[in-house]
Amino acid sequence: MTEVTRVPLQPIAKGSLTKLWLGVIIAILIGAGVAWAAAPHVQTLDGGTTVETLKQGEGPSPTKADIALVNYKGTLTDGKVFDQSQNAPLQVDGVVPGFSEALQVMQKGGKYRVRIPAAQAYGADEKTNPQTGEVVIPANSDLVFEVELVDFRSQQEIMRMMQQQQMMQQMQQGGAGGPGGPNPSAPQ
């Protein structure tokens, strides 16, 4: 018969058990902190609209007076898509109240899931497709949007950019023989 080698157990040093439990508690707290930081953050706005941050953006948020450039997909709560667009310029105060409030807490480069209650969307009004007459958004529908805030600018910045673009187009169209430029066929 073979005998199992016996290993004598050493007594636990005084205070070691306390250190072990403290280590376990710290590990649990660190794990919970990492899980909380990785979880999407949900913000509930005044009108009941909720904004869930899927990817954090950077910098300031648009104001009511700004024009936001967004990628979005709008769905009903059953998942039916009613609208979607890429690089859509939207006047922040020119959209339904819930969407306007949501845009004002977003940051450039961020991605969000926005849930808008019917009262902050179209309320008792139904929205139809003007070409087919089909009801696209039934009355009293809550809406869900996946939104990426690409960029935003003030109205003044947009106007300046448009004026510069018009000047560039005029210069390109005018060229050497255009209005205001030298005309080689004119008598000298």
N, C-alpha and C. Protein backbone atom coordinates (compact mmCIF):
# COMPACT_ATOMS: atom_id res chain seq x y z
N MET A 1 0.80 -1.16 0.00
CA MET A 1 0.00 0.00 0.00
C MET A 1 0.86 1.25 0.00
N THR A 2 0.45 2.21 -0.83
CA THR A 2 1.23 3.44 -0.86
C THR A 2 0.58 4.45 0.07
N GLU A 3 1.41 5.20 0.61
CA GLU A 3 0.92 6.19 1.55
C GLU A 3 0.96 7.58 0.88
N VAL A 4 -0.09 8.33 1.05
CA VAL A 4 -0.16 9.68 0.50
C VAL A 4 0.75 10.57 1.33
N THR A 5 1.50 11.40 0.61
CA THR A 5 2.41 12.29 1.31
C THR A 5 1.57 13.34 2.03
N ARG A 6 1.87 13.49 3.25
CA ARG A 6 1.12 14.45 4.04
C ARG A 6 1.82 15.80 4.02
N VAL A 7 1.01 16.85 3.81
CA VAL A 7 1.54 18.20 3.83
C VAL A 7 0.96 18.88 5.05
N PRO A 8 1.80 19.31 5.93
CA PRO A 8 1.26 19.96 7.12
C PRO A 8 0.70 21.34 6.77
N LEU A 9 -0.44 21.67 7.31
CA LEU A 9 -1.05 22.97 7.10
C LEU A 9 -0.43 23.96 8.07
N GLN A 10 -0.10 25.11 7.53
CA GLN A 10 0.49 26.15 8.36
C GLN A 10 -0.64 26.98 8.97
N PRO A 11 -0.48 27.45 10.14
CA PRO A 11 -1.52 28.31 10.72
C PRO A 11 -1.56 29.64 9.97
N ILE A 12 -2.74 30.22 9.88
CA ILE A 12 -2.93 31.49 9.19
C ILE A 12 -2.39 32.59 10.09
N ALA A 13 -1.59 33.46 9.46
CA ALA A 13 -1.00 34.56 10.22
C ALA A 13 -2.10 35.51 10.68
N LYS A 14 -1.86 36.14 11.80
CA LYS A 14 -2.83 37.05 12.36
C LYS A 14 -3.07 38.22 11.39
N GLY A 15 -4.34 38.51 11.07
CA GLY A 15 -4.70 39.61 10.18
C GLY A 15 -4.77 39.21 8.71
N SER A 16 -4.33 38.01 8.34
CA SER A 16 -4.34 37.59 6.94
C SER A 16 -5.75 37.40 6.41
N LEU A 17 -6.62 36.87 7.23
CA LEU A 17 -8.00 36.65 6.81
C LEU A 17 -8.69 37.99 6.52
N THR A 18 -8.43 38.98 7.33
CA THR A 18 -9.00 40.32 7.11
C THR A 18 -8.49 40.89 5.79
N LYS A 19 -7.18 40.75 5.52
CA LYS A 19 -6.60 41.25 4.27
C LYS A 19 -7.20 40.52 3.08
N LEU A 20 -7.42 39.24 3.21
CA LEU A 20 -8.02 38.46 2.12
C LEU A 20 -9.42 38.98 1.80
N TRP A 21 -10.26 39.20 2.82
CA TRP A 21 -11.61 39.70 2.59
C TRP A 21 -11.60 41.12 2.02
N LEU A 22 -10.69 41.96 2.49
CA LEU A 22 -10.57 43.30 1.92
C LEU A 22 -10.20 43.23 0.43
N GLY A 23 -9.32 42.33 0.08
CA GLY A 23 -8.93 42.15 -1.31
C GLY A 23 -10.11 41.72 -2.17
N VAL A 24 -10.93 40.80 -1.66
CA VAL A 24 -12.10 40.33 -2.38
C VAL A 24 -13.10 41.48 -2.57
N ILE A 25 -13.33 42.28 -1.53
CA ILE A 25 -14.26 43.41 -1.62
C ILE A 25 -13.76 44.44 -2.62
N ILE A 26 -12.47 44.75 -2.61
CA ILE A 26 -11.90 45.71 -3.55
C ILE A 26 -12.05 45.20 -4.98
N ALA A 27 -11.81 43.92 -5.21
CA ALA A 27 -11.95 43.34 -6.55
C ALA A 27 -13.39 43.45 -7.04
N ILE A 28 -14.34 43.21 -6.14
CA ILE A 28 -15.76 43.31 -6.51
C ILE A 28 -16.11 44.76 -6.86
N LEU A 29 -15.63 45.73 -6.05
CA LEU A 29 -15.91 47.13 -6.32
C LEU A 29 -15.30 47.59 -7.64
N ILE A 30 -14.10 47.17 -7.94
CA ILE A 30 -13.46 47.54 -9.21
C ILE A 30 -14.25 46.95 -10.38
N GLY A 31 -14.65 45.69 -10.25
CA GLY A 31 -15.45 45.06 -11.31
C GLY A 31 -16.78 45.77 -11.53
N ALA A 32 -17.43 46.17 -10.44
CA ALA A 32 -18.70 46.89 -10.56
C ALA A 32 -18.48 48.25 -11.21
N GLY A 33 -17.40 48.93 -10.88
CA GLY A 33 -17.09 50.23 -11.48
C GLY A 33 -16.84 50.11 -12.97
N VAL A 34 -16.10 49.09 -13.38
CA VAL A 34 -15.84 48.87 -14.81
C VAL A 34 -17.14 48.55 -15.54
N ALA A 35 -17.98 47.73 -14.95
CA ALA A 35 -19.26 47.39 -15.57
C ALA A 35 -20.16 48.62 -15.69
N TRP A 36 -20.17 49.47 -14.66
CA TRP A 36 -20.99 50.68 -14.70
C TRP A 36 -20.49 51.63 -15.78
N ALA A 37 -19.16 51.78 -15.90
CA ALA A 37 -18.59 52.68 -16.91
C ALA A 37 -18.87 52.18 -18.32
N ALA A 38 -18.92 50.88 -18.51
CA ALA A 38 -19.13 50.31 -19.85
C ALA A 38 -20.61 50.29 -20.23
N ALA A 39 -21.50 50.35 -19.25
CA ALA A 39 -22.92 50.30 -19.53
C ALA A 39 -23.40 51.62 -20.13
N PRO A 40 -24.38 51.55 -21.04
CA PRO A 40 -24.92 52.79 -21.61
C PRO A 40 -25.57 53.62 -20.51
N HIS A 41 -25.44 54.94 -20.62
CA HIS A 41 -26.04 55.84 -19.66
C HIS A 41 -27.34 56.37 -20.23
N VAL A 42 -28.38 56.37 -19.40
CA VAL A 42 -29.69 56.83 -19.84
C VAL A 42 -30.05 58.10 -19.08
N GLN A 43 -30.46 59.12 -19.84
CA GLN A 43 -30.84 60.40 -19.27
C GLN A 43 -32.30 60.64 -19.62
N THR A 44 -33.13 60.96 -18.61
CA THR A 44 -34.53 61.28 -18.85
C THR A 44 -34.69 62.79 -18.84
N LEU A 45 -35.25 63.33 -19.92
CA LEU A 45 -35.42 64.78 -20.07
C LEU A 45 -36.78 65.21 -19.53
N ASP A 46 -37.01 66.51 -19.45
CA ASP A 46 -38.22 67.08 -18.84
C ASP A 46 -39.52 66.49 -19.39
N GLY A 47 -39.65 66.37 -20.70
CA GLY A 47 -40.90 65.92 -21.30
C GLY A 47 -41.08 64.42 -21.30
N GLY A 48 -40.15 63.67 -20.69
CA GLY A 48 -40.26 62.22 -20.66
C GLY A 48 -39.43 61.52 -21.72
N THR A 49 -38.79 62.28 -22.60
CA THR A 49 -37.90 61.71 -23.61
C THR A 49 -36.68 61.14 -22.90
N THR A 50 -36.24 59.96 -23.33
CA THR A 50 -35.02 59.38 -22.75
C THR A 50 -33.94 59.31 -23.83
N VAL A 51 -32.71 59.60 -23.41
CA VAL A 51 -31.56 59.57 -24.31
C VAL A 51 -30.55 58.58 -23.71
N GLU A 52 -30.33 57.50 -24.43
CA GLU A 52 -29.37 56.48 -24.01
C GLU A 52 -28.09 56.68 -24.82
N THR A 53 -26.98 56.88 -24.14
CA THR A 53 -25.70 57.09 -24.80
C THR A 53 -25.12 55.73 -25.17
N LEU A 54 -24.98 55.48 -26.47
CA LEU A 54 -24.39 54.23 -26.95
C LEU A 54 -22.88 54.40 -27.16
N LYS A 55 -22.48 55.59 -27.62
CA LYS A 55 -21.07 55.94 -27.80
C LYS A 55 -20.92 57.40 -27.40
N GLN A 56 -20.05 57.66 -26.45
CA GLN A 56 -19.87 59.02 -25.94
C GLN A 56 -19.26 59.91 -27.01
N GLY A 57 -19.79 61.12 -27.13
CA GLY A 57 -19.23 62.12 -28.03
C GLY A 57 -18.30 63.03 -27.27
N GLU A 58 -17.85 64.09 -27.93
CA GLU A 58 -16.92 65.03 -27.30
C GLU A 58 -17.36 66.46 -27.56
N GLY A 59 -17.02 67.34 -26.63
CA GLY A 59 -17.25 68.76 -26.81
C GLY A 59 -18.61 69.21 -26.36
N PRO A 60 -18.98 70.44 -26.77
CA PRO A 60 -20.26 71.03 -26.36
C PRO A 60 -21.43 70.39 -27.10
N SER A 61 -22.63 70.78 -26.68
CA SER A 61 -23.87 70.30 -27.30
C SER A 61 -24.51 71.42 -28.10
N PRO A 62 -25.30 71.07 -29.12
CA PRO A 62 -26.00 72.11 -29.90
C PRO A 62 -27.02 72.86 -29.04
N THR A 63 -27.34 74.06 -29.46
CA THR A 63 -28.40 74.86 -28.82
C THR A 63 -29.60 74.88 -29.76
N LYS A 64 -30.70 75.44 -29.29
CA LYS A 64 -31.91 75.53 -30.12
C LYS A 64 -31.67 76.28 -31.42
N ALA A 65 -30.75 77.23 -31.40
CA ALA A 65 -30.50 78.07 -32.58
C ALA A 65 -29.55 77.43 -33.59
N ASP A 66 -29.01 76.25 -33.29
CA ASP A 66 -28.03 75.61 -34.16
C ASP A 66 -28.68 74.71 -35.20
N ILE A 67 -27.88 74.36 -36.19
CA ILE A 67 -28.27 73.39 -37.20
C ILE A 67 -27.37 72.18 -37.00
N ALA A 68 -27.99 71.02 -36.80
CA ALA A 68 -27.25 69.79 -36.52
C ALA A 68 -27.21 68.92 -37.77
N LEU A 69 -26.07 68.29 -38.00
CA LEU A 69 -25.90 67.33 -39.09
C LEU A 69 -25.93 65.95 -38.44
N VAL A 70 -26.94 65.15 -38.76
CA VAL A 70 -27.13 63.86 -38.08
C VAL A 70 -27.36 62.72 -39.06
N ASN A 71 -26.99 61.54 -38.62
CA ASN A 71 -27.41 60.29 -39.25
C ASN A 71 -28.47 59.72 -38.31
N TYR A 72 -29.61 59.30 -38.84
CA TYR A 72 -30.64 58.79 -37.95
C TYR A 72 -31.49 57.73 -38.63
N LYS A 73 -32.13 56.92 -37.77
CA LYS A 73 -33.15 55.97 -38.22
C LYS A 73 -34.27 56.05 -37.20
N GLY A 74 -35.48 56.34 -37.67
CA GLY A 74 -36.64 56.45 -36.80
C GLY A 74 -37.52 55.23 -36.95
N THR A 75 -37.91 54.67 -35.81
CA THR A 75 -38.78 53.48 -35.82
C THR A 75 -39.94 53.68 -34.85
N LEU A 76 -40.99 52.92 -35.08
CA LEU A 76 -42.07 52.83 -34.10
C LEU A 76 -41.61 51.84 -33.03
N THR A 77 -42.34 51.73 -31.95
CA THR A 77 -41.93 50.82 -30.87
C THR A 77 -41.95 49.35 -31.29
N ASP A 78 -42.67 49.03 -32.37
CA ASP A 78 -42.68 47.64 -32.86
C ASP A 78 -41.50 47.36 -33.80
N GLY A 79 -40.64 48.37 -34.02
CA GLY A 79 -39.46 48.19 -34.86
C GLY A 79 -39.64 48.61 -36.30
N LYS A 80 -40.85 48.98 -36.71
CA LYS A 80 -41.10 49.38 -38.09
C LYS A 80 -40.42 50.72 -38.37
N VAL A 81 -39.56 50.75 -39.39
CA VAL A 81 -38.83 51.96 -39.76
C VAL A 81 -39.77 52.91 -40.50
N PHE A 82 -39.86 54.16 -40.04
CA PHE A 82 -40.69 55.14 -40.74
C PHE A 82 -39.86 56.20 -41.45
N ASP A 83 -38.57 56.35 -41.07
CA ASP A 83 -37.73 57.34 -41.72
C ASP A 83 -36.27 57.07 -41.36
N GLN A 84 -35.38 57.39 -42.31
CA GLN A 84 -33.95 57.32 -42.03
C GLN A 84 -33.21 58.21 -43.01
N SER A 85 -32.07 58.73 -42.56
CA SER A 85 -31.32 59.63 -43.41
C SER A 85 -29.87 59.68 -42.95
N GLN A 86 -28.98 59.99 -43.88
CA GLN A 86 -27.55 60.18 -43.60
C GLN A 86 -27.21 61.65 -43.85
N ASN A 87 -26.42 62.22 -42.97
CA ASN A 87 -25.96 63.60 -43.08
C ASN A 87 -27.12 64.57 -43.31
N ALA A 88 -28.17 64.41 -42.52
CA ALA A 88 -29.34 65.28 -42.63
C ALA A 88 -29.12 66.54 -41.80
N PRO A 89 -29.22 67.72 -42.43
CA PRO A 89 -29.13 68.97 -41.66
C PRO A 89 -30.50 69.27 -41.03
N LEU A 90 -30.53 69.40 -39.71
CA LEU A 90 -31.79 69.65 -39.01
C LEU A 90 -31.67 70.89 -38.15
N GLN A 91 -32.61 71.80 -38.28
CA GLN A 91 -32.69 72.95 -37.39
C GLN A 91 -33.13 72.40 -36.03
N VAL A 92 -32.33 72.61 -34.98
CA VAL A 92 -32.61 71.99 -33.68
C VAL A 92 -34.00 72.35 -33.18
N ASP A 93 -34.44 73.60 -33.33
CA ASP A 93 -35.77 73.95 -32.85
C ASP A 93 -36.85 73.74 -33.93
N GLY A 94 -36.49 73.08 -35.04
CA GLY A 94 -37.45 72.85 -36.11
C GLY A 94 -37.94 71.42 -36.18
N VAL A 95 -37.64 70.61 -35.18
CA VAL A 95 -38.08 69.21 -35.15
C VAL A 95 -39.05 69.04 -33.99
N VAL A 96 -39.63 67.85 -33.82
CA VAL A 96 -40.58 67.63 -32.72
C VAL A 96 -39.88 67.92 -31.39
N PRO A 97 -40.63 68.37 -30.38
CA PRO A 97 -40.02 68.78 -29.11
C PRO A 97 -39.09 67.75 -28.47
N GLY A 98 -39.47 66.48 -28.47
CA GLY A 98 -38.62 65.46 -27.86
C GLY A 98 -37.29 65.31 -28.58
N PHE A 99 -37.30 65.40 -29.90
CA PHE A 99 -36.06 65.28 -30.68
C PHE A 99 -35.19 66.51 -30.45
N SER A 100 -35.81 67.68 -30.37
CA SER A 100 -35.07 68.92 -30.11
C SER A 100 -34.37 68.86 -28.75
N GLU A 101 -35.10 68.44 -27.72
CA GLU A 101 -34.51 68.30 -26.38
C GLU A 101 -33.34 67.32 -26.40
N ALA A 102 -33.52 66.21 -27.11
CA ALA A 102 -32.47 65.18 -27.17
C ALA A 102 -31.21 65.72 -27.85
N LEU A 103 -31.39 66.43 -28.98
CA LEU A 103 -30.23 66.98 -29.69
C LEU A 103 -29.41 67.90 -28.78
N GLN A 104 -30.08 68.60 -27.87
CA GLN A 104 -29.41 69.58 -27.03
C GLN A 104 -28.59 68.95 -25.90
N VAL A 105 -28.64 67.62 -25.74
CA VAL A 105 -27.78 66.95 -24.74
C VAL A 105 -26.75 66.05 -25.41
N MET A 106 -26.76 66.01 -26.74
CA MET A 106 -25.81 65.17 -27.48
C MET A 106 -24.50 65.92 -27.70
N GLN A 107 -23.46 65.13 -27.99
CA GLN A 107 -22.15 65.70 -28.29
C GLN A 107 -21.69 65.17 -29.64
N LYS A 108 -20.88 65.98 -30.33
CA LYS A 108 -20.37 65.63 -31.65
C LYS A 108 -19.64 64.28 -31.60
N GLY A 109 -19.97 63.41 -32.54
CA GLY A 109 -19.34 62.09 -32.62
C GLY A 109 -20.04 61.03 -31.80
N GLY A 110 -21.01 61.42 -30.99
CA GLY A 110 -21.72 60.47 -30.14
C GLY A 110 -22.83 59.75 -30.89
N LYS A 111 -23.18 58.56 -30.37
CA LYS A 111 -24.30 57.79 -30.91
C LYS A 111 -25.28 57.56 -29.78
N TYR A 112 -26.57 57.68 -30.09
CA TYR A 112 -27.59 57.68 -29.06
C TYR A 112 -28.84 56.91 -29.51
N ARG A 113 -29.57 56.38 -28.52
CA ARG A 113 -30.90 55.83 -28.77
C ARG A 113 -31.87 56.75 -28.02
N VAL A 114 -32.80 57.33 -28.75
CA VAL A 114 -33.73 58.31 -28.19
C VAL A 114 -35.13 57.73 -28.24
N ARG A 115 -35.81 57.72 -27.09
CA ARG A 115 -37.20 57.27 -27.01
C ARG A 115 -38.05 58.50 -26.71
N ILE A 116 -38.98 58.80 -27.63
CA ILE A 116 -39.80 60.00 -27.50
C ILE A 116 -41.26 59.58 -27.28
N PRO A 117 -41.85 59.98 -26.15
CA PRO A 117 -43.26 59.66 -25.95
C PRO A 117 -44.12 60.45 -26.94
N ALA A 118 -45.29 59.91 -27.25
CA ALA A 118 -46.18 60.51 -28.25
C ALA A 118 -46.43 61.99 -27.98
N ALA A 119 -46.58 62.37 -26.71
CA ALA A 119 -46.87 63.76 -26.37
C ALA A 119 -45.73 64.70 -26.77
N GLN A 120 -44.50 64.18 -26.87
CA GLN A 120 -43.34 64.98 -27.26
C GLN A 120 -43.00 64.78 -28.74
N ALA A 121 -43.84 63.99 -29.44
CA ALA A 121 -43.63 63.74 -30.88
C ALA A 121 -44.79 64.38 -31.65
N TYR A 122 -45.67 63.56 -32.22
CA TYR A 122 -46.78 64.09 -33.02
C TYR A 122 -48.13 64.01 -32.31
N GLY A 123 -48.14 63.49 -31.08
CA GLY A 123 -49.38 63.44 -30.29
C GLY A 123 -50.48 62.69 -31.01
N ALA A 124 -51.67 63.28 -31.05
CA ALA A 124 -52.85 62.65 -31.65
C ALA A 124 -52.87 62.74 -33.17
N ASP A 125 -51.90 63.44 -33.75
CA ASP A 125 -51.83 63.55 -35.22
C ASP A 125 -51.17 62.31 -35.80
N GLU A 126 -51.71 61.83 -36.91
CA GLU A 126 -51.03 60.75 -37.63
C GLU A 126 -50.31 61.36 -38.82
N LYS A 127 -49.20 60.75 -39.19
CA LYS A 127 -48.42 61.24 -40.32
C LYS A 127 -48.55 60.24 -41.46
N THR A 128 -48.87 60.77 -42.65
CA THR A 128 -49.05 59.91 -43.82
C THR A 128 -47.99 60.22 -44.87
N ASN A 129 -47.74 59.26 -45.73
CA ASN A 129 -46.86 59.45 -46.87
C ASN A 129 -47.64 60.29 -47.88
N PRO A 130 -47.12 61.47 -48.25
CA PRO A 130 -47.89 62.34 -49.16
C PRO A 130 -48.11 61.74 -50.54
N GLN A 131 -47.26 60.81 -50.96
CA GLN A 131 -47.39 60.22 -52.30
C GLN A 131 -48.39 59.08 -52.32
N THR A 132 -48.40 58.26 -51.26
CA THR A 132 -49.26 57.07 -51.26
C THR A 132 -50.48 57.20 -50.37
N GLY A 133 -50.44 58.15 -49.41
CA GLY A 133 -51.54 58.28 -48.47
C GLY A 133 -51.47 57.27 -47.33
N GLU A 134 -50.48 56.40 -47.35
CA GLU A 134 -50.31 55.37 -46.32
C GLU A 134 -49.93 56.03 -44.99
N VAL A 135 -50.52 55.54 -43.88
CA VAL A 135 -50.18 56.05 -42.55
C VAL A 135 -48.79 55.53 -42.19
N VAL A 136 -47.86 56.45 -41.98
CA VAL A 136 -46.48 56.09 -41.65
C VAL A 136 -46.29 56.09 -40.14
N ILE A 137 -46.87 57.09 -39.47
CA ILE A 137 -46.81 57.17 -38.01
C ILE A 137 -48.24 57.30 -37.51
N PRO A 138 -48.77 56.24 -36.88
CA PRO A 138 -50.14 56.30 -36.36
C PRO A 138 -50.25 57.34 -35.23
N ALA A 139 -51.46 57.81 -34.98
CA ALA A 139 -51.71 58.76 -33.90
C ALA A 139 -51.27 58.15 -32.57
N ASN A 140 -50.81 59.01 -31.67
CA ASN A 140 -50.39 58.63 -30.32
C ASN A 140 -49.29 57.57 -30.30
N SER A 141 -48.35 57.68 -31.23
CA SER A 141 -47.24 56.72 -31.30
C SER A 141 -46.00 57.25 -30.60
N ASP A 142 -45.41 56.39 -29.78
CA ASP A 142 -44.09 56.67 -29.23
C ASP A 142 -43.08 56.37 -30.33
N LEU A 143 -41.98 57.14 -30.38
CA LEU A 143 -40.98 56.98 -31.42
C LEU A 143 -39.63 56.61 -30.82
N VAL A 144 -38.84 55.86 -31.59
CA VAL A 144 -37.49 55.48 -31.17
C VAL A 144 -36.54 55.86 -32.31
N PHE A 145 -35.47 56.55 -31.97
CA PHE A 145 -34.48 56.96 -32.96
C PHE A 145 -33.09 56.47 -32.57
N GLU A 146 -32.35 56.00 -33.56
CA GLU A 146 -30.92 55.77 -33.42
C GLU A 146 -30.29 57.00 -34.09
N VAL A 147 -29.49 57.77 -33.35
CA VAL A 147 -28.98 59.04 -33.84
C VAL A 147 -27.48 59.13 -33.64
N GLU A 148 -26.79 59.59 -34.67
CA GLU A 148 -25.38 59.94 -34.55
C GLU A 148 -25.26 61.43 -34.86
N LEU A 149 -24.72 62.20 -33.91
CA LEU A 149 -24.51 63.63 -34.13
C LEU A 149 -23.17 63.79 -34.83
N VAL A 150 -23.20 64.07 -36.12
CA VAL A 150 -22.00 64.19 -36.93
C VAL A 150 -21.31 65.52 -36.64
N ASP A 151 -22.10 66.61 -36.65
CA ASP A 151 -21.55 67.95 -36.44
C ASP A 151 -22.70 68.89 -36.18
N PHE A 152 -22.41 70.11 -35.77
CA PHE A 152 -23.42 71.15 -35.67
C PHE A 152 -22.74 72.50 -35.80
N ARG A 153 -23.52 73.46 -36.30
CA ARG A 153 -23.03 74.82 -36.51
C ARG A 153 -24.14 75.80 -36.17
N SER A 154 -23.72 77.03 -35.88
CA SER A 154 -24.71 78.08 -35.65
C SER A 154 -25.25 78.54 -37.01
N GLN A 155 -26.39 79.21 -37.01
CA GLN A 155 -26.96 79.71 -38.26
C GLN A 155 -26.03 80.72 -38.91
N GLN A 156 -25.33 81.52 -38.09
CA GLN A 156 -24.40 82.50 -38.63
C GLN A 156 -23.25 81.81 -39.36
N GLU A 157 -22.73 80.73 -38.78
CA GLU A 157 -21.64 79.99 -39.44
C GLU A 157 -22.11 79.41 -40.76
N ILE A 158 -23.32 78.88 -40.79
CA ILE A 158 -23.88 78.29 -42.02
C ILE A 158 -24.01 79.38 -43.09
N MET A 159 -24.52 80.54 -42.70
CA MET A 159 -24.69 81.65 -43.65
C MET A 159 -23.32 82.08 -44.20
N ARG A 160 -22.31 82.20 -43.34
CA ARG A 160 -20.96 82.57 -43.79
C ARG A 160 -20.41 81.53 -44.77
N MET A 161 -20.60 80.25 -44.44
CA MET A 161 -20.12 79.18 -45.31
C MET A 161 -20.81 79.23 -46.67
N MET A 162 -22.12 79.50 -46.67
CA MET A 162 -22.87 79.58 -47.93
C MET A 162 -22.39 80.77 -48.77
N GLN A 163 -22.13 81.90 -48.13
CA GLN A 163 -21.64 83.08 -48.85
C GLN A 163 -20.27 82.80 -49.45
N GLN A 164 -19.40 82.15 -48.69
CA GLN A 164 -18.07 81.82 -49.21
C GLN A 164 -18.18 80.86 -50.39
N GLN A 165 -19.09 79.89 -50.29
CA GLN A 165 -19.28 78.93 -51.37
C GLN A 165 -19.80 79.64 -52.63
N GLN A 166 -20.73 80.58 -52.46
CA GLN A 166 -21.25 81.34 -53.60
C GLN A 166 -20.14 82.16 -54.26
N MET A 167 -19.29 82.78 -53.44
CA MET A 167 -18.19 83.57 -53.98
C MET A 167 -17.23 82.67 -54.77
N MET A 168 -16.95 81.48 -54.25
CA MET A 168 -16.06 80.55 -54.94
C MET A 168 -16.68 80.13 -56.28
N GLN A 169 -17.98 79.86 -56.29
CA GLN A 169 -18.65 79.46 -57.53
C GLN A 169 -18.62 80.59 -58.54
N GLN A 170 -18.83 81.82 -58.09
CA GLN A 170 -18.79 82.96 -59.00
C GLN A 170 -17.40 83.13 -59.58
N MET A 171 -16.39 82.94 -58.76
CA MET A 171 -15.01 83.06 -59.24
C MET A 171 -14.70 81.97 -60.26
N GLN A 172 -15.17 80.75 -60.01
CA GLN A 172 -14.91 79.65 -60.93
C GLN A 172 -15.66 79.85 -62.24
N GLN A 173 -16.90 80.32 -62.16
CA GLN A 173 -17.69 80.55 -63.36
C GLN A 173 -17.16 81.73 -64.15
N GLY A 174 -16.73 82.77 -63.44
CA GLY A 174 -16.23 83.98 -64.09
C GLY A 174 -14.91 83.75 -64.79
N GLY A 175 -14.01 83.05 -64.15
CA GLY A 175 -12.70 82.79 -64.75
C GLY A 175 -12.05 84.07 -65.24
N ALA A 176 -11.19 83.97 -66.25
CA ALA A 176 -10.48 85.12 -66.79
C ALA A 176 -11.40 86.00 -67.62
N GLY A 177 -12.41 85.43 -68.29
CA GLY A 177 -13.27 86.22 -69.17
C GLY A 177 -14.63 86.48 -68.57
N GLY A 178 -14.85 86.15 -67.32
CA GLY A 178 -16.16 86.30 -66.70
C GLY A 178 -16.38 87.71 -66.19
N PRO A 179 -17.53 87.92 -65.56
CA PRO A 179 -17.86 89.25 -65.05
C PRO A 179 -16.81 89.71 -64.04
N GLY A 180 -16.36 90.92 -64.21
CA GLY A 180 -15.40 91.50 -63.28
C GLY A 180 -13.97 91.16 -63.60
N GLY A 181 -13.75 90.23 -64.51
CA GLY A 181 -12.39 89.82 -64.87
C GLY A 181 -11.99 90.46 -66.19
N PRO A 182 -10.73 90.38 -66.54
CA PRO A 182 -10.30 90.95 -67.82
C PRO A 182 -10.92 90.20 -68.99
N ASN A 183 -11.28 90.94 -70.02
CA ASN A 183 -11.90 90.34 -71.20
C ASN A 183 -10.90 90.49 -72.36
N PRO A 184 -10.30 89.35 -72.76
CA PRO A 184 -9.27 89.43 -73.80
C PRO A 184 -9.78 89.94 -75.13
N SER A 185 -11.09 89.84 -75.42
CA SER A 185 -11.59 90.28 -76.72
C SER A 185 -12.02 91.73 -76.71
N ALA A 186 -11.97 92.40 -75.57
CA ALA A 186 -12.36 93.81 -75.51
C ALA A 186 -11.27 94.67 -76.11
N PRO A 187 -11.69 95.77 -76.80
CA PRO A 187 -10.67 96.65 -77.41
C PRO A 187 -9.82 97.31 -76.33
N GLN A 188 -8.56 97.43 -76.61
CA GLN A 188 -7.62 98.00 -75.65
C GLN A 188 -7.42 99.46 -75.87
